Protein backbone atom coordinates (compact mmCIF):
# COMPACT_ATOMS: atom_id res chain seq x y z
CA ASP A 1 1.34 13.74 20.52
CA GLU A 2 -0.41 10.35 20.33
CA THR A 3 0.85 9.55 16.83
CA CYS A 4 2.10 5.96 16.85
CA MET A 5 2.66 4.96 13.22
CA ALA A 6 4.01 6.68 10.13
CA ILE A 7 4.85 5.90 6.52
CA GLY A 8 8.09 7.66 5.71
CA ASP A 9 7.81 10.68 8.00
CA ILE A 10 4.06 11.12 7.51
CA PRO A 11 1.77 10.16 10.44
CA ILE A 12 -0.88 7.58 9.51
CA ALA A 13 -2.19 6.46 12.91
CA ALA A 14 -2.72 7.89 16.39
CA ARG A 15 -4.00 6.42 19.64
CA GLY A 16 -7.72 6.89 20.15
CA ASN A 17 -8.32 7.33 16.40
CA LEU A 18 -9.37 5.41 13.30
CA THR A 19 -7.27 4.90 10.17
CA VAL A 20 -8.95 3.79 6.92
CA ILE A 21 -7.14 1.54 4.45
CA GLN A 22 -9.08 1.32 1.20
CA GLY A 23 -8.72 -0.03 -2.30
CA LYS A 24 -10.35 -2.20 -4.92
CA SER A 25 -10.04 -5.97 -4.86
CA LYS A 26 -6.54 -7.43 -5.38
CA VAL A 27 -4.62 -4.14 -5.31
CA GLY A 28 -2.34 -5.04 -2.38
CA LYS A 29 -4.35 -4.31 0.76
CA SER A 30 -3.17 -7.56 2.37
CA ALA A 31 0.45 -6.56 1.79
CA VAL A 32 -0.15 -3.28 3.61
CA ILE A 33 -1.91 -5.09 6.47
CA SER A 34 1.04 -7.47 6.86
CA ALA A 35 3.38 -4.46 6.81
CA ILE A 36 1.39 -2.82 9.62
CA LEU A 37 1.52 -6.07 11.61
CA GLY A 38 5.28 -6.24 11.01
CA ALA A 39 5.91 -2.63 12.02
CA ALA A 40 3.81 -2.97 15.19
CA GLN A 41 5.64 -6.16 16.23
CA ARG A 42 9.04 -4.62 15.52
CA GLY A 43 8.25 -1.52 17.56
CA ASN A 44 11.20 0.83 17.94
CA ARG A 45 13.84 -1.82 17.31
CA THR A 46 16.12 -1.48 14.30
CA LEU A 47 15.71 -4.78 12.45
CA ALA A 48 15.80 -6.06 8.89
CA GLY A 49 12.43 -6.66 7.28
CA ASP A 50 10.38 -4.89 4.63
CA THR A 51 7.45 -2.97 6.12
CA ILE A 52 6.91 -0.84 2.97
CA CYS A 53 8.30 2.22 4.82
CA ILE A 54 5.72 1.88 7.63
CA ASP A 55 7.25 2.39 11.08
CA TRP A 56 6.00 2.26 14.66
CA GLN A 57 6.53 5.26 16.92
CA GLY A 58 6.47 5.46 20.71
CA GLU A 59 6.09 2.73 23.30
CA SER A 60 5.43 -0.80 22.02
CA VAL A 61 4.50 -3.17 24.83
CA GLY A 62 0.77 -3.70 24.32
CA ALA A 63 -1.33 -6.23 22.43
CA ILE A 64 -1.63 -6.19 18.63
CA LEU A 65 -5.08 -7.49 17.72
CA HIS A 66 -5.76 -8.57 14.15
CA ILE A 67 -9.33 -9.48 13.17
CA ASP A 68 -9.79 -11.13 9.76
CA THR A 69 -13.27 -11.57 8.29
CA GLU A 70 -12.45 -12.01 4.60
CA GLN A 71 -9.83 -14.65 3.85
CA SER A 72 -9.62 -18.41 3.85
CA ARG A 73 -7.63 -20.09 6.62
CA ALA A 74 -4.66 -20.60 4.26
CA ASP A 75 -4.61 -16.96 3.07
CA TRP A 76 -5.07 -15.69 6.64
CA HIS A 77 -2.18 -17.87 7.82
CA ALA A 78 0.06 -16.66 4.97
CA LEU A 79 -0.71 -13.00 5.73
CA VAL A 80 0.16 -13.37 9.42
CA CYS A 81 3.38 -15.25 8.57
CA ARG A 82 4.39 -12.46 6.18
CA GLY A 83 3.73 -9.97 8.96
CA ILE A 84 6.18 -11.88 11.17
CA THR A 85 8.74 -11.95 8.34
CA ARG A 86 8.35 -8.21 7.80
CA ALA A 87 8.96 -7.55 11.50
CA GLY A 88 12.43 -9.02 11.14
CA THR A 89 12.31 -10.60 14.61
CA GLY A 90 12.53 -14.18 13.39
CA GLN A 91 9.69 -15.30 15.64
CA VAL A 92 6.04 -14.55 16.35
CA SER A 93 5.51 -11.90 19.00
CA SER A 94 3.58 -12.87 22.14
CA ARG A 95 1.84 -9.50 21.71
CA LEU A 96 0.21 -10.58 18.43
CA ILE A 97 -3.29 -12.05 18.55
CA SER A 98 -4.81 -12.84 15.16
CA LEU A 99 -8.36 -14.17 14.93
CA PRO A 100 -9.84 -15.60 11.69
CA LEU A 101 -13.54 -14.89 12.14
CA VAL A 102 -14.98 -15.90 8.75
CA PRO A 103 -17.02 -18.79 10.32
CA PHE A 104 -18.81 -16.43 12.73
CA THR A 105 -21.87 -14.25 12.14
CA ARG A 106 -21.55 -10.50 11.83
CA HIS A 107 -22.98 -9.83 15.30
CA GLN A 108 -20.73 -12.49 16.83
CA ARG A 109 -17.65 -10.86 15.30
CA LEU A 110 -18.31 -7.54 17.01
CA LYS A 111 -18.84 -9.32 20.33
CA ILE A 112 -15.59 -11.26 19.86
CA LEU A 113 -13.77 -7.98 19.17
CA ARG A 114 -15.02 -6.51 22.45
CA LEU A 115 -14.18 -9.69 24.41
CA ALA A 116 -10.69 -9.92 22.88
CA LEU A 117 -9.90 -6.29 23.76
CA ALA A 118 -11.12 -6.75 27.33
CA HIS A 119 -9.11 -9.97 27.64
CA GLU A 120 -5.86 -8.47 26.31
CA ILE A 121 -6.05 -5.34 28.46
CA ILE A 122 -6.11 -7.63 31.50
CA LEU A 123 -3.22 -9.79 30.24
CA LYS A 124 -0.93 -7.09 28.86
CA GLY A 125 -2.21 -3.90 30.44
CA LYS A 126 -2.32 -2.10 27.11
CA VAL A 127 -3.47 -2.40 23.50
CA ASP A 128 -1.12 -0.95 20.88
CA ALA A 129 -3.08 -1.54 17.68
CA VAL A 130 -6.23 -3.13 16.28
CA ILE A 131 -6.55 -4.13 12.61
CA LEU A 132 -10.05 -4.88 11.33
CA ASP A 133 -9.49 -6.61 8.00
CA GLY A 134 -13.02 -6.33 6.65
CA VAL A 135 -14.73 -3.76 8.87
CA ALA A 136 -17.86 -3.92 6.69
CA ASP A 137 -18.30 -7.55 7.83
CA LEU A 138 -19.09 -6.34 11.35
CA CYS A 139 -22.47 -5.01 10.23
CA VAL A 140 -25.40 -6.40 8.27
CA SER A 141 -25.45 -3.69 5.61
CA PRO A 142 -22.88 -0.92 5.03
CA ASN A 143 -25.63 0.91 3.14
CA ASP A 144 -27.86 1.20 6.20
CA GLU A 145 -27.20 4.70 7.53
CA GLY A 146 -28.27 3.99 11.10
CA GLU A 147 -26.24 0.81 11.36
CA ALA A 148 -23.21 2.44 9.72
CA LEU A 149 -23.26 5.37 12.15
CA GLU A 150 -23.60 2.95 15.06
CA LEU A 151 -20.65 0.81 13.95
CA VAL A 152 -18.36 3.81 13.36
CA GLY A 153 -19.39 5.22 16.73
CA THR A 154 -18.57 1.88 18.36
CA CYS A 155 -15.14 1.75 16.70
CA MET A 156 -14.40 5.32 17.80
CA SER A 157 -15.51 4.48 21.33
CA LEU A 158 -13.29 1.37 21.46
CA ALA A 159 -10.29 3.31 20.13
CA GLN A 160 -10.79 5.88 22.90
CA GLU A 161 -11.53 3.33 25.64
CA PHE A 162 -8.47 1.20 24.89
CA HIS A 163 -6.30 4.16 23.85
CA CYS A 164 -5.21 2.55 20.58
CA PRO A 165 -5.45 3.13 16.84
CA ILE A 166 -7.97 1.01 14.97
CA PHE A 167 -7.19 0.30 11.32
CA CYS A 168 -10.36 -0.24 9.28
CA VAL A 169 -9.83 -2.04 5.97
CA LEU A 170 -12.53 -1.31 3.44
CA HIS A 171 -13.25 -2.07 -0.23
CA GLU A 172 -13.88 0.68 -2.75
CA ASN A 173 -16.92 0.45 -4.98
CA PRO A 174 -16.20 -1.38 -8.28
CA GLY A 175 -15.97 0.91 -11.30
CA THR A 176 -15.18 4.07 -9.36
CA ASP A 177 -12.01 6.09 -9.93
CA ILE A 178 -12.64 8.62 -7.15
CA GLY A 179 -12.05 6.28 -4.23
CA LYS A 180 -15.67 5.97 -3.09
CA THR A 181 -15.86 3.38 -0.33
CA ARG A 182 -18.81 1.10 0.41
CA GLY A 183 -22.08 2.77 1.40
CA HIS A 184 -22.79 5.02 4.36
CA LEU A 185 -20.21 3.07 6.36
CA GLY A 186 -17.38 4.08 4.04
CA SER A 187 -18.46 7.71 3.92
CA GLU A 188 -18.70 7.97 7.70
CA LEU A 189 -15.35 6.23 8.24
CA ASN A 190 -13.65 8.59 5.75
CA ARG A 191 -15.08 11.59 7.62
CA LYS A 192 -14.02 10.39 11.07
CA ALA A 193 -10.61 8.90 10.23
CA PHE A 194 -7.31 10.32 11.37
CA ALA A 195 -5.88 9.16 8.02
CA ASN A 196 -7.40 7.82 4.81
CA LEU A 197 -4.90 5.62 2.99
CA ARG A 198 -5.73 4.52 -0.53
CA ILE A 199 -4.04 1.74 -2.53
CA ASP A 200 -4.09 1.69 -6.32
CA LYS A 201 -2.52 -0.83 -8.67
CA ASP A 202 -1.27 -0.04 -12.16
CA ALA A 203 -2.67 -2.65 -14.54
CA GLU A 204 0.27 -2.35 -16.94
CA THR A 205 3.16 -2.59 -14.45
CA SER A 206 1.38 -4.41 -11.55
CA ILE A 207 2.94 -1.82 -9.21
CA SER A 208 0.79 -0.73 -6.27
CA THR A 209 0.93 2.71 -4.68
CA ILE A 210 -0.06 3.84 -1.18
CA TYR A 211 -1.12 7.46 -0.91
CA GLY A 212 -3.54 9.47 1.21
CA SER A 213 -5.97 12.37 1.12
CA GLU A 214 -8.07 13.96 3.84
CA MET A 215 -5.26 13.21 6.29
CA ARG A 216 -5.38 14.99 9.63
CA LYS A 217 -1.64 15.70 9.65
CA GLN A 218 -0.31 15.64 6.09
CA ASP A 219 -1.66 14.41 2.76
CA ILE A 220 0.34 12.03 0.54
CA PRO A 221 -0.23 12.97 -3.12
CA ARG A 222 -0.36 9.99 -5.46
CA GLU A 223 2.69 11.18 -7.36
CA GLN A 224 4.59 11.13 -4.04
CA GLY A 225 3.14 7.82 -2.85
CA PHE A 226 4.97 4.69 -1.72
CA CYS A 227 5.19 1.96 -4.37
CA PHE A 228 5.49 -1.77 -3.88
CA GLY A 229 5.34 -4.87 -6.07
CA TRP A 230 5.56 -8.64 -5.96
CA SER A 231 9.03 -10.15 -5.53
CA PRO A 232 9.28 -13.86 -6.51
CA ALA A 233 12.56 -14.13 -4.58
CA ASP A 234 10.98 -12.84 -1.35
CA GLU A 235 7.61 -14.50 -2.06
CA MET A 236 5.80 -11.34 -1.01
CA HIS A 237 5.32 -7.70 -2.00
CA VAL A 238 8.31 -5.45 -1.29
CA PHE A 239 8.89 -1.70 -1.32
CA LEU A 240 10.20 -0.43 -4.67
CA ALA A 241 10.50 3.36 -4.54
CA ARG A 242 8.52 6.57 -4.22
CA ALA A 243 6.05 7.13 -7.05
CA GLY A 244 8.09 9.89 -8.72
CA GLU A 245 11.13 7.62 -8.94
CA ILE A 246 9.02 4.76 -10.34
CA LYS A 247 7.58 7.03 -13.01
CA VAL A 248 11.08 8.02 -14.12
CA SER A 249 12.32 4.40 -14.20
CA VAL A 250 9.23 3.23 -16.13
CA LYS A 251 9.77 6.05 -18.64
CA GLU A 252 13.44 5.07 -19.01
CA GLU A 253 12.56 1.41 -19.58
CA LYS A 254 9.95 2.35 -22.17
CA ALA A 255 12.52 4.47 -24.01
CA ARG A 256 15.04 1.61 -23.90
CA GLN A 257 12.54 -0.86 -25.34
CA GLU A 258 11.65 1.56 -28.13
CA ALA A 259 15.29 2.18 -28.99
CA ASN A 260 16.14 -1.54 -28.94
CA GLY A 261 13.65 -2.09 -31.74
CA ILE A 262 15.19 0.67 -33.87
CA PHE A 263 18.95 0.48 -33.22
CA LYS A 264 20.72 -2.85 -33.68
CA ILE A 265 23.81 -3.69 -31.64
CA GLY A 266 27.03 -3.03 -33.60
CA THR A 267 25.30 -1.13 -36.43
CA SER A 268 25.56 2.63 -36.86
CA ILE A 269 22.80 4.71 -38.41
CA ARG A 270 22.55 8.26 -39.69
CA TYR A 271 20.47 10.74 -37.69
CA SER A 272 17.94 11.30 -40.51
CA ASP A 273 17.49 7.55 -41.02
CA ALA A 274 17.00 7.04 -37.27
CA VAL A 275 14.30 9.73 -37.21
CA GLU A 276 12.52 8.06 -40.13
CA ARG A 277 12.64 4.67 -38.38
CA ILE A 278 11.18 6.16 -35.19
CA ILE A 279 8.34 7.77 -37.18
CA ALA A 280 7.58 4.43 -38.83
CA ALA A 281 7.80 2.42 -35.58
CA LEU A 282 5.82 4.77 -33.34
CA GLY A 283 3.55 6.46 -35.87
CA CYS A 284 4.57 9.86 -34.51
CA SER A 285 5.47 13.22 -36.01
CA GLU A 286 8.98 14.22 -37.04
CA LYS A 287 9.16 16.64 -34.10
CA THR A 288 8.30 13.86 -31.64
CA ALA A 289 10.81 11.51 -33.28
CA LYS A 290 13.59 14.09 -32.84
CA ARG A 291 12.64 14.49 -29.17
CA ARG A 292 12.89 10.71 -28.83
CA MET A 293 16.43 10.84 -30.24
CA THR A 294 17.34 13.46 -27.66
CA THR A 295 15.87 11.29 -24.89
CA TYR A 296 17.66 8.12 -26.05
CA GLU A 297 20.99 9.92 -26.09
CA ALA A 298 20.43 11.66 -22.74
CA GLU A 299 19.56 8.32 -21.13
CA GLY A 300 22.73 6.76 -22.52
CA ILE A 301 20.77 4.29 -24.65
CA ILE A 302 22.49 5.47 -27.83
CA PHE A 303 25.67 7.46 -28.50
CA LYS A 304 27.07 9.55 -31.30
CA THR A 305 30.10 8.11 -33.07
CA THR A 306 33.11 10.10 -34.25
CA ALA A 307 31.71 9.80 -37.77
CA GLY A 308 28.53 11.55 -36.66
CA ASP A 309 26.27 8.48 -36.84
CA TYR A 310 24.40 6.89 -33.91
CA MET A 311 24.84 3.49 -32.29
CA ARG A 312 23.11 1.63 -29.46
CA ASN A 313 25.05 1.08 -26.25
CA GLU A 314 25.53 -2.59 -25.35
């Protein structure tokens, strides 16, 4: 089995294959890229460092080549530094080669990719992973069918030649909710990929979720995805929980906020009065208000007194 990277226990990359990482702008793709860089640098060692549940599998002695075609020098530098932090090694790996290629033309970038791979195979004898952060920037138009097929064929050929996974980072079309990636290039990459990982961000909670469909080994339903969010203390995105657990915690917090507006600390209230207050506050039916009371009590937000009234827990 040539599987070399997984999220949880689910394979997301294999040697000689392509993996697509897709999402709209500003949903957390850079966080996932830094997590992949961190996991690849860490290899099989057990170290501290948040890689958003992404782990490397198998031998880890070859080059890790990161090609960036999208970010400014400062943002590129910050991403690579976060990748080192996520690895938990405390230092940059000599196996990591990261090239910011924004100043170069599209044709030059593809040539540089080939030259870098050839150079590293001589130096290290092996390539473990390639990350193309902005694969669409290696061609003139992702909507040109002939050019898209040629680029995907080239990426597949390089993955086979250098016996490594190639991660292709791609934007989704604005305004789409079905995960349609850019042009013929996106469609062809999705068809050929070993794994198609999608990243969505909830506008209300700012929590991002990694999940996957059309996976060669095992799909990751969105409701079972891996969630991460920004941590001011860590100054980067960190893993939070699986999507099902997040949904439960968000629901609990919503219930707590609702109850806090209805039940005042230290004041008891009769059941019928509480139901009326919930109806007035939420604009819901009496049946829904009674269900809310059941939820608040089950979650330990309120409790029933010996007198039969209800109070909010401190």
